[in-house]
């Protein structure tokens, strides 16, 4: 058994375990910590794929910036169990039904997908180069790149609005 296969299995186990712990943890701070561990293990997968630049950017952007925003949001919302609104049963049932439908769609997509069969053509171009990556991101993928920036801007505005205290009405 190769060292890469062992590393892949260990990183996969860590990724899956911390992803489940993120979702099922009752404490939001613990959930955020599990998510950081999950992000680091995903960066380990990138390193196994020899994508060092992508691994470093993933650690900086997700584990650094995005998790800081999550932690600020969690702390500003002051999540307490006694203040928590209980969801009606119909809302929980709707969430379970929609989750099951999404799972069925994903399973159907995976079952009906076929691998790409063909010859790999090596162009000799180094896609690890920042120059090549910048050209591709800002030429071919400019619109999705801008959509991602707009999505982050909307998330930041949503965070500010959620953390804003409402005025008490007298």
N, C-alpha and C. Protein backbone atom coordinates (compact mmCIF):
# COMPACT_ATOMS: atom_id res chain seq x y z
N UNK A 1 0.84 -1.17 0.00
CA UNK A 1 0.00 0.00 0.00
C UNK A 1 0.89 1.24 0.00
N UNK A 2 0.55 2.16 -0.85
CA UNK A 2 1.39 3.35 -0.98
C UNK A 2 1.07 4.36 0.13
N UNK A 3 2.05 5.21 0.38
CA UNK A 3 1.90 6.24 1.42
C UNK A 3 0.81 7.24 1.05
N UNK A 4 0.65 7.48 -0.28
CA UNK A 4 -0.38 8.41 -0.72
C UNK A 4 -1.78 7.86 -0.48
N UNK A 5 -1.94 6.56 -0.65
CA UNK A 5 -3.24 5.95 -0.39
C UNK A 5 -3.58 5.99 1.09
N UNK A 6 -2.58 5.75 1.92
CA UNK A 6 -2.81 5.82 3.37
C UNK A 6 -3.16 7.25 3.78
N UNK A 7 -2.41 8.23 3.28
CA UNK A 7 -2.71 9.63 3.58
C UNK A 7 -4.09 10.02 3.07
N UNK A 8 -4.45 9.55 1.88
CA UNK A 8 -5.77 9.86 1.34
C UNK A 8 -6.87 9.29 2.24
N UNK A 9 -6.70 8.04 2.68
CA UNK A 9 -7.73 7.42 3.54
C UNK A 9 -7.84 8.14 4.89
N UNK A 10 -6.70 8.52 5.46
CA UNK A 10 -6.73 9.23 6.75
C UNK A 10 -7.38 10.60 6.58
N UNK A 11 -6.96 11.34 5.54
CA UNK A 11 -7.56 12.67 5.31
C UNK A 11 -9.06 12.57 5.01
N UNK A 12 -9.45 11.54 4.26
CA UNK A 12 -10.88 11.35 3.96
C UNK A 12 -11.68 11.07 5.22
N UNK A 13 -11.12 10.22 6.09
CA UNK A 13 -11.82 9.91 7.34
C UNK A 13 -11.95 11.17 8.21
N UNK A 14 -10.88 11.97 8.27
CA UNK A 14 -10.94 13.22 9.05
C UNK A 14 -11.95 14.18 8.45
N UNK A 15 -11.94 14.30 7.12
CA UNK A 15 -12.87 15.22 6.45
C UNK A 15 -14.31 14.82 6.71
N UNK A 16 -14.63 13.56 6.53
CA UNK A 16 -16.02 13.10 6.71
C UNK A 16 -16.44 13.22 8.18
N UNK A 17 -15.56 12.82 9.09
CA UNK A 17 -15.91 12.88 10.51
C UNK A 17 -16.15 14.32 10.97
N UNK A 18 -15.25 15.23 10.59
CA UNK A 18 -15.44 16.62 11.03
C UNK A 18 -16.60 17.29 10.32
N UNK A 19 -16.91 16.87 9.10
CA UNK A 19 -18.09 17.42 8.42
C UNK A 19 -19.36 17.01 9.16
N UNK A 20 -19.46 15.74 9.57
CA UNK A 20 -20.62 15.31 10.34
C UNK A 20 -20.67 15.99 11.70
N UNK A 21 -19.53 16.13 12.36
CA UNK A 21 -19.50 16.81 13.65
C UNK A 21 -19.90 18.28 13.51
N UNK A 22 -19.54 18.90 12.38
CA UNK A 22 -19.94 20.29 12.14
C UNK A 22 -21.45 20.41 12.08
N UNK A 23 -22.08 19.49 11.40
CA UNK A 23 -23.53 19.55 11.23
C UNK A 23 -24.26 19.16 12.51
N UNK A 24 -23.77 18.15 13.21
CA UNK A 24 -24.53 17.62 14.34
C UNK A 24 -24.12 18.17 15.70
N UNK A 25 -23.15 19.05 15.75
CA UNK A 25 -22.74 19.63 17.02
C UNK A 25 -23.78 20.66 17.48
N UNK A 26 -24.10 20.61 18.77
CA UNK A 26 -25.10 21.54 19.30
C UNK A 26 -24.49 22.90 19.64
N UNK A 27 -23.22 22.93 19.95
CA UNK A 27 -22.54 24.17 20.29
C UNK A 27 -22.00 24.82 19.01
N UNK A 28 -22.42 26.04 18.69
CA UNK A 28 -21.98 26.65 17.43
C UNK A 28 -20.47 26.91 17.35
N UNK A 29 -19.83 27.16 18.48
CA UNK A 29 -18.38 27.37 18.47
C UNK A 29 -17.66 26.07 18.15
N UNK A 30 -18.12 24.96 18.75
CA UNK A 30 -17.53 23.66 18.43
C UNK A 30 -17.75 23.33 16.95
N UNK A 31 -18.91 23.66 16.46
CA UNK A 31 -19.20 23.43 15.05
C UNK A 31 -18.24 24.19 14.15
N UNK A 32 -17.94 25.43 14.49
CA UNK A 32 -17.00 26.23 13.70
C UNK A 32 -15.59 25.65 13.76
N UNK A 33 -15.20 25.13 14.92
CA UNK A 33 -13.87 24.53 15.05
C UNK A 33 -13.78 23.25 14.21
N UNK A 34 -14.83 22.44 14.23
CA UNK A 34 -14.85 21.24 13.39
C UNK A 34 -14.77 21.62 11.90
N UNK A 35 -15.41 22.71 11.54
CA UNK A 35 -15.36 23.15 10.15
C UNK A 35 -13.95 23.58 9.75
N UNK A 36 -13.23 24.23 10.65
CA UNK A 36 -11.84 24.61 10.38
C UNK A 36 -10.99 23.36 10.16
N UNK A 37 -11.17 22.34 11.00
CA UNK A 37 -10.42 21.09 10.83
C UNK A 37 -10.77 20.44 9.49
N UNK A 38 -12.04 20.49 9.12
CA UNK A 38 -12.47 19.96 7.83
C UNK A 38 -11.79 20.71 6.68
N UNK A 39 -11.72 22.04 6.79
CA UNK A 39 -11.06 22.83 5.75
C UNK A 39 -9.58 22.47 5.63
N UNK A 40 -8.90 22.26 6.76
CA UNK A 40 -7.48 21.90 6.72
C UNK A 40 -7.28 20.52 6.09
N UNK A 41 -8.19 19.59 6.36
CA UNK A 41 -8.04 18.26 5.76
C UNK A 41 -8.32 18.32 4.26
N UNK A 42 -9.21 19.19 3.83
CA UNK A 42 -9.43 19.37 2.39
C UNK A 42 -8.20 19.98 1.74
N UNK A 43 -7.53 20.90 2.44
CA UNK A 43 -6.27 21.44 1.93
C UNK A 43 -5.23 20.33 1.81
N UNK A 44 -5.26 19.36 2.70
CA UNK A 44 -4.37 18.20 2.59
C UNK A 44 -4.65 17.40 1.33
N UNK A 45 -5.93 17.29 0.96
CA UNK A 45 -6.28 16.62 -0.31
C UNK A 45 -5.69 17.38 -1.49
N UNK A 46 -5.76 18.70 -1.45
CA UNK A 46 -5.16 19.49 -2.53
C UNK A 46 -3.65 19.25 -2.62
N UNK A 47 -2.99 19.13 -1.47
CA UNK A 47 -1.56 18.85 -1.49
C UNK A 47 -1.27 17.47 -2.09
N UNK A 48 -2.14 16.50 -1.81
CA UNK A 48 -1.96 15.18 -2.42
C UNK A 48 -2.13 15.23 -3.94
N UNK A 49 -2.93 16.17 -4.42
CA UNK A 49 -3.13 16.33 -5.86
C UNK A 49 -2.07 17.22 -6.50
N UNK A 50 -1.05 17.60 -5.72
CA UNK A 50 0.05 18.44 -6.18
C UNK A 50 -0.43 19.83 -6.60
N UNK A 51 -1.42 20.35 -5.88
CA UNK A 51 -1.93 21.69 -6.13
C UNK A 51 -1.61 22.56 -4.91
N UNK A 52 -0.33 22.90 -4.78
CA UNK A 52 0.12 23.62 -3.59
C UNK A 52 -0.49 25.01 -3.49
N UNK A 53 -0.56 25.70 -4.62
CA UNK A 53 -1.13 27.05 -4.62
C UNK A 53 -2.58 27.02 -4.15
N UNK A 54 -3.34 26.06 -4.68
CA UNK A 54 -4.75 25.95 -4.30
C UNK A 54 -4.89 25.59 -2.82
N UNK A 55 -4.01 24.76 -2.30
CA UNK A 55 -4.06 24.39 -0.89
C UNK A 55 -3.80 25.60 0.00
N UNK A 56 -2.80 26.40 -0.34
CA UNK A 56 -2.48 27.57 0.47
C UNK A 56 -3.60 28.61 0.40
N UNK A 57 -4.14 28.84 -0.79
CA UNK A 57 -5.24 29.79 -0.94
C UNK A 57 -6.46 29.31 -0.17
N UNK A 58 -6.70 28.00 -0.20
CA UNK A 58 -7.83 27.43 0.54
C UNK A 58 -7.68 27.67 2.05
N UNK A 59 -6.47 27.46 2.56
CA UNK A 59 -6.24 27.68 3.99
C UNK A 59 -6.40 29.16 4.33
N UNK A 60 -5.84 30.03 3.51
CA UNK A 60 -5.91 31.47 3.80
C UNK A 60 -7.35 31.97 3.72
N UNK A 61 -8.04 31.62 2.63
CA UNK A 61 -9.37 32.18 2.41
C UNK A 61 -10.41 31.54 3.32
N UNK A 62 -10.50 30.21 3.31
CA UNK A 62 -11.57 29.56 4.06
C UNK A 62 -11.25 29.45 5.54
N UNK A 63 -10.12 28.86 5.87
CA UNK A 63 -9.81 28.67 7.28
C UNK A 63 -9.50 29.99 7.97
N UNK A 64 -9.03 30.94 7.24
CA UNK A 64 -8.73 32.24 7.83
C UNK A 64 -9.90 33.18 7.78
N UNK A 65 -10.15 33.74 6.62
CA UNK A 65 -11.12 34.83 6.48
C UNK A 65 -12.56 34.39 6.72
N UNK A 66 -13.00 33.35 6.05
CA UNK A 66 -14.42 32.95 6.15
C UNK A 66 -14.75 32.48 7.57
N UNK A 67 -13.85 31.73 8.21
CA UNK A 67 -14.15 31.27 9.56
C UNK A 67 -14.15 32.40 10.57
N UNK A 68 -13.34 33.42 10.34
CA UNK A 68 -13.39 34.59 11.23
C UNK A 68 -14.76 35.26 11.11
N UNK A 69 -15.24 35.38 9.87
CA UNK A 69 -16.59 35.95 9.67
C UNK A 69 -17.65 35.09 10.34
N UNK A 70 -17.56 33.76 10.22
CA UNK A 70 -18.52 32.88 10.88
C UNK A 70 -18.49 33.06 12.38
N UNK A 71 -17.29 33.12 12.96
CA UNK A 71 -17.19 33.27 14.41
C UNK A 71 -17.73 34.61 14.89
N UNK A 72 -17.46 35.68 14.12
CA UNK A 72 -18.05 36.97 14.49
C UNK A 72 -19.58 36.90 14.42
N UNK A 73 -20.10 36.27 13.40
CA UNK A 73 -21.55 36.14 13.26
C UNK A 73 -22.14 35.36 14.42
N UNK A 74 -21.51 34.24 14.76
CA UNK A 74 -22.00 33.42 15.87
C UNK A 74 -21.98 34.22 17.17
N UNK A 75 -20.91 34.96 17.40
CA UNK A 75 -20.80 35.71 18.66
C UNK A 75 -21.75 36.90 18.68
N UNK A 76 -21.97 37.54 17.53
CA UNK A 76 -22.88 38.68 17.50
C UNK A 76 -24.34 38.25 17.64
N UNK A 77 -24.66 37.05 17.16
CA UNK A 77 -26.06 36.60 17.25
C UNK A 77 -26.41 36.15 18.65
N UNK A 78 -25.40 35.85 19.49
CA UNK A 78 -25.62 35.46 20.88
C UNK A 78 -26.63 34.32 20.97
N UNK A 79 -26.24 33.19 20.42
CA UNK A 79 -27.13 32.03 20.38
C UNK A 79 -27.21 31.36 21.75
N UNK A 80 -28.35 31.48 22.37
CA UNK A 80 -28.60 30.83 23.66
C UNK A 80 -29.77 29.88 23.49
N UNK A 81 -29.73 28.78 24.22
CA UNK A 81 -30.80 27.80 24.10
C UNK A 81 -32.13 28.34 24.62
N UNK A 82 -32.10 29.18 25.64
CA UNK A 82 -33.36 29.67 26.20
C UNK A 82 -34.03 30.69 25.28
N UNK A 83 -33.22 31.36 24.44
CA UNK A 83 -33.79 32.33 23.50
C UNK A 83 -34.15 31.71 22.15
N UNK A 84 -33.78 30.46 21.97
CA UNK A 84 -33.95 29.82 20.67
C UNK A 84 -35.42 29.54 20.40
N UNK A 85 -35.85 29.89 19.21
CA UNK A 85 -37.24 29.66 18.81
C UNK A 85 -37.36 28.22 18.33
N UNK A 86 -38.35 27.51 18.83
CA UNK A 86 -38.56 26.13 18.41
C UNK A 86 -39.31 26.11 17.09
N UNK A 87 -38.81 25.31 16.18
CA UNK A 87 -39.42 25.21 14.85
C UNK A 87 -40.65 24.30 14.93
N UNK A 88 -41.70 24.67 14.21
CA UNK A 88 -42.87 23.79 14.19
C UNK A 88 -42.55 22.46 13.49
N UNK A 89 -43.35 21.46 13.76
CA UNK A 89 -43.10 20.13 13.18
C UNK A 89 -43.20 20.15 11.66
N UNK A 90 -44.05 20.96 11.11
CA UNK A 90 -44.21 21.01 9.65
C UNK A 90 -42.94 21.54 8.99
N UNK A 91 -42.24 22.45 9.66
CA UNK A 91 -40.98 22.98 9.13
C UNK A 91 -39.91 21.89 9.15
N UNK A 92 -39.85 21.14 10.24
CA UNK A 92 -38.89 20.05 10.31
C UNK A 92 -39.20 18.98 9.26
N UNK A 93 -40.47 18.68 9.09
CA UNK A 93 -40.87 17.68 8.09
C UNK A 93 -40.52 18.16 6.69
N UNK A 94 -40.73 19.43 6.40
CA UNK A 94 -40.36 19.98 5.10
C UNK A 94 -38.87 19.91 4.85
N UNK A 95 -38.08 20.17 5.89
CA UNK A 95 -36.62 20.09 5.76
C UNK A 95 -36.19 18.65 5.49
N UNK A 96 -36.79 17.70 6.17
CA UNK A 96 -36.43 16.29 5.97
C UNK A 96 -36.81 15.84 4.57
N UNK A 97 -38.01 16.23 4.11
CA UNK A 97 -38.45 15.83 2.77
C UNK A 97 -37.55 16.45 1.70
N UNK A 98 -37.21 17.73 1.84
CA UNK A 98 -36.35 18.36 0.84
C UNK A 98 -34.94 17.74 0.87
N UNK A 99 -34.43 17.40 2.05
CA UNK A 99 -33.13 16.74 2.14
C UNK A 99 -33.16 15.39 1.44
N UNK A 100 -34.21 14.61 1.66
CA UNK A 100 -34.32 13.30 1.01
C UNK A 100 -34.43 13.44 -0.50
N UNK A 101 -35.18 14.43 -0.98
CA UNK A 101 -35.29 14.64 -2.43
C UNK A 101 -33.95 15.03 -3.05
N UNK A 102 -33.21 15.90 -2.37
CA UNK A 102 -31.88 16.28 -2.88
C UNK A 102 -30.95 15.07 -2.90
N UNK A 103 -31.02 14.23 -1.85
CA UNK A 103 -30.19 13.02 -1.84
C UNK A 103 -30.56 12.09 -2.98
N UNK A 104 -31.84 11.92 -3.26
CA UNK A 104 -32.26 11.06 -4.38
C UNK A 104 -31.78 11.61 -5.71
N UNK A 105 -31.86 12.91 -5.89
CA UNK A 105 -31.37 13.52 -7.15
C UNK A 105 -29.87 13.30 -7.30
N UNK A 106 -29.11 13.52 -6.21
CA UNK A 106 -27.66 13.32 -6.28
C UNK A 106 -27.30 11.87 -6.56
N UNK A 107 -28.00 10.93 -5.93
CA UNK A 107 -27.74 9.51 -6.18
C UNK A 107 -28.06 9.16 -7.63
N UNK A 108 -29.17 9.69 -8.15
CA UNK A 108 -29.51 9.43 -9.56
C UNK A 108 -28.46 10.01 -10.50
N UNK A 109 -27.94 11.18 -10.18
CA UNK A 109 -26.89 11.77 -11.02
C UNK A 109 -25.63 10.92 -10.98
N UNK A 110 -25.25 10.44 -9.80
CA UNK A 110 -24.05 9.61 -9.69
C UNK A 110 -24.22 8.27 -10.40
N UNK A 111 -25.40 7.68 -10.31
CA UNK A 111 -25.64 6.40 -10.97
C UNK A 111 -25.63 6.56 -12.49
N UNK A 112 -26.22 7.62 -13.01
CA UNK A 112 -26.33 7.81 -14.45
C UNK A 112 -25.10 8.46 -15.08
N UNK A 113 -24.15 8.89 -14.26
CA UNK A 113 -22.97 9.54 -14.84
C UNK A 113 -22.03 8.49 -15.41
N UNK A 114 -21.36 8.88 -16.45
CA UNK A 114 -20.41 7.99 -17.10
C UNK A 114 -19.04 8.65 -17.09
N UNK A 115 -18.00 7.86 -16.87
CA UNK A 115 -16.66 8.47 -16.86
C UNK A 115 -16.27 8.95 -18.25
N UNK A 116 -15.45 9.96 -18.27
CA UNK A 116 -14.96 10.49 -19.54
C UNK A 116 -13.89 9.53 -20.05
N UNK A 117 -14.15 8.98 -21.22
CA UNK A 117 -13.20 8.05 -21.81
C UNK A 117 -12.51 8.77 -22.95
N UNK A 118 -11.23 8.81 -22.89
CA UNK A 118 -10.48 9.48 -23.93
C UNK A 118 -9.03 9.57 -23.54
N UNK A 119 -8.27 10.07 -24.46
CA UNK A 119 -6.85 10.18 -24.22
C UNK A 119 -6.54 11.53 -23.61
N UNK A 120 -5.66 11.52 -22.64
CA UNK A 120 -5.25 12.76 -21.98
C UNK A 120 -4.18 13.41 -22.85
N UNK A 121 -4.44 14.65 -23.23
CA UNK A 121 -3.49 15.37 -24.07
C UNK A 121 -2.74 16.36 -23.20
N UNK A 122 -1.44 16.17 -23.11
CA UNK A 122 -0.60 17.06 -22.31
C UNK A 122 -0.19 18.25 -23.16
N UNK A 123 -0.52 19.45 -22.70
CA UNK A 123 -0.16 20.65 -23.44
C UNK A 123 1.20 21.19 -23.03
N UNK A 124 1.71 20.71 -21.91
CA UNK A 124 2.99 21.20 -21.42
C UNK A 124 2.87 22.50 -20.66
N UNK A 125 1.65 23.02 -20.53
CA UNK A 125 1.46 24.29 -19.82
C UNK A 125 1.35 24.02 -18.32
N UNK A 126 2.02 24.83 -17.54
CA UNK A 126 2.03 24.67 -16.10
C UNK A 126 0.86 25.41 -15.49
N UNK A 127 -0.16 24.66 -15.04
CA UNK A 127 -1.33 25.30 -14.46
C UNK A 127 -1.14 25.65 -12.99
N UNK A 128 0.03 25.32 -12.42
CA UNK A 128 0.34 25.75 -11.07
C UNK A 128 0.87 27.17 -11.04
N UNK A 129 1.24 27.69 -12.20
CA UNK A 129 1.77 29.03 -12.29
C UNK A 129 0.69 30.06 -11.98
N UNK A 130 1.03 31.05 -11.18
CA UNK A 130 0.08 32.08 -10.81
C UNK A 130 -0.30 32.91 -12.04
N UNK A 131 0.64 33.11 -12.94
CA UNK A 131 0.38 33.88 -14.16
C UNK A 131 -0.68 33.18 -15.02
N UNK A 132 -0.51 31.88 -15.23
CA UNK A 132 -1.48 31.12 -16.04
C UNK A 132 -2.83 31.07 -15.33
N UNK A 133 -2.81 30.86 -14.01
CA UNK A 133 -4.05 30.82 -13.24
C UNK A 133 -4.79 32.15 -13.31
N UNK A 134 -4.06 33.26 -13.21
CA UNK A 134 -4.67 34.59 -13.32
C UNK A 134 -5.29 34.82 -14.69
N UNK A 135 -4.59 34.40 -15.74
CA UNK A 135 -5.15 34.55 -17.10
C UNK A 135 -6.44 33.76 -17.25
N UNK A 136 -6.44 32.55 -16.76
CA UNK A 136 -7.64 31.71 -16.89
C UNK A 136 -8.79 32.28 -16.07
N UNK A 137 -8.50 32.68 -14.80
CA UNK A 137 -9.56 33.21 -13.94
C UNK A 137 -10.16 34.51 -14.48
N UNK A 138 -9.32 35.38 -14.98
CA UNK A 138 -9.81 36.70 -15.36
C UNK A 138 -10.15 36.81 -16.85
N UNK A 139 -9.97 35.76 -17.61
CA UNK A 139 -10.40 35.77 -19.02
C UNK A 139 -11.57 34.81 -19.24
N UNK A 140 -11.31 33.51 -19.03
CA UNK A 140 -12.33 32.51 -19.32
C UNK A 140 -13.42 32.44 -18.25
N UNK A 141 -13.04 32.67 -16.99
CA UNK A 141 -13.99 32.51 -15.89
C UNK A 141 -14.27 33.83 -15.18
N UNK A 142 -14.33 34.90 -15.93
CA UNK A 142 -14.53 36.23 -15.33
C UNK A 142 -15.91 36.35 -14.69
N UNK A 143 -16.95 35.87 -15.37
CA UNK A 143 -18.32 36.02 -14.85
C UNK A 143 -18.51 35.21 -13.56
N UNK A 144 -18.13 33.92 -13.50
CA UNK A 144 -18.27 33.21 -12.22
C UNK A 144 -17.42 33.82 -11.11
N UNK A 145 -16.25 34.35 -11.46
CA UNK A 145 -15.38 35.00 -10.48
C UNK A 145 -16.09 36.22 -9.89
N UNK A 146 -16.75 37.01 -10.72
CA UNK A 146 -17.49 38.17 -10.25
C UNK A 146 -18.73 37.78 -9.47
N UNK A 147 -19.41 36.70 -9.88
CA UNK A 147 -20.56 36.21 -9.12
C UNK A 147 -20.15 35.80 -7.71
N UNK A 148 -18.97 35.18 -7.59
CA UNK A 148 -18.48 34.80 -6.26
C UNK A 148 -18.24 36.03 -5.39
N UNK A 149 -17.71 37.09 -5.99
CA UNK A 149 -17.47 38.31 -5.21
C UNK A 149 -18.79 38.96 -4.78
N UNK A 150 -19.78 38.93 -5.65
CA UNK A 150 -21.10 39.48 -5.30
C UNK A 150 -21.74 38.64 -4.20
N UNK A 151 -21.58 37.32 -4.27
CA UNK A 151 -22.12 36.43 -3.24
C UNK A 151 -21.48 36.72 -1.89
N UNK A 152 -20.18 36.95 -1.86
CA UNK A 152 -19.50 37.28 -0.61
C UNK A 152 -19.96 38.64 -0.07
N UNK A 153 -20.20 39.59 -0.97
CA UNK A 153 -20.68 40.90 -0.56
C UNK A 153 -22.08 40.80 0.05
N UNK A 154 -22.96 40.02 -0.57
CA UNK A 154 -24.31 39.83 -0.04
C UNK A 154 -24.26 39.13 1.30
N UNK A 155 -23.36 38.14 1.46
CA UNK A 155 -23.23 37.45 2.74
C UNK A 155 -22.76 38.40 3.83
N UNK A 156 -21.85 39.31 3.48
CA UNK A 156 -21.36 40.27 4.47
C UNK A 156 -22.48 41.23 4.87
N UNK A 157 -23.27 41.70 3.91
CA UNK A 157 -24.39 42.59 4.23
C UNK A 157 -25.41 41.86 5.09
N UNK A 158 -25.68 40.59 4.77
CA UNK A 158 -26.60 39.79 5.58
C UNK A 158 -26.12 39.62 7.00
N UNK A 159 -24.82 39.44 7.17
CA UNK A 159 -24.25 39.31 8.51
C UNK A 159 -24.43 40.59 9.31
N UNK A 160 -24.20 41.71 8.67
CA UNK A 160 -24.37 43.00 9.36
C UNK A 160 -25.83 43.20 9.75
N UNK A 161 -26.76 42.87 8.85
CA UNK A 161 -28.17 43.05 9.15
C UNK A 161 -28.65 42.11 10.25
N UNK A 162 -28.12 40.88 10.27
CA UNK A 162 -28.51 39.94 11.32
C UNK A 162 -27.98 40.36 12.68
N UNK A 163 -26.80 40.93 12.70
CA UNK A 163 -26.19 41.29 13.98
C UNK A 163 -26.70 42.63 14.51
N UNK A 164 -27.41 43.38 13.69
CA UNK A 164 -27.91 44.69 14.10
C UNK A 164 -29.03 44.50 15.13
N UNK A 165 -28.93 45.21 16.21
CA UNK A 165 -29.95 45.10 17.26
C UNK A 165 -31.18 45.92 16.85
N UNK A 166 -32.33 45.31 17.08
CA UNK A 166 -33.57 46.03 16.76
C UNK A 166 -33.89 47.01 17.88
N UNK A 167 -34.50 48.11 17.52
CA UNK A 167 -34.88 49.12 18.50
C UNK A 167 -36.08 48.60 19.29
N UNK A 168 -36.03 48.82 20.57
CA UNK A 168 -37.15 48.40 21.42
C UNK A 168 -38.31 49.38 21.22
N UNK A 169 -39.49 48.80 20.99
CA UNK A 169 -40.66 49.65 20.83
C UNK A 169 -41.34 49.83 22.19
N UNK A 170 -41.71 51.07 22.47
CA UNK A 170 -42.33 51.37 23.77
C UNK A 170 -43.81 51.58 23.61
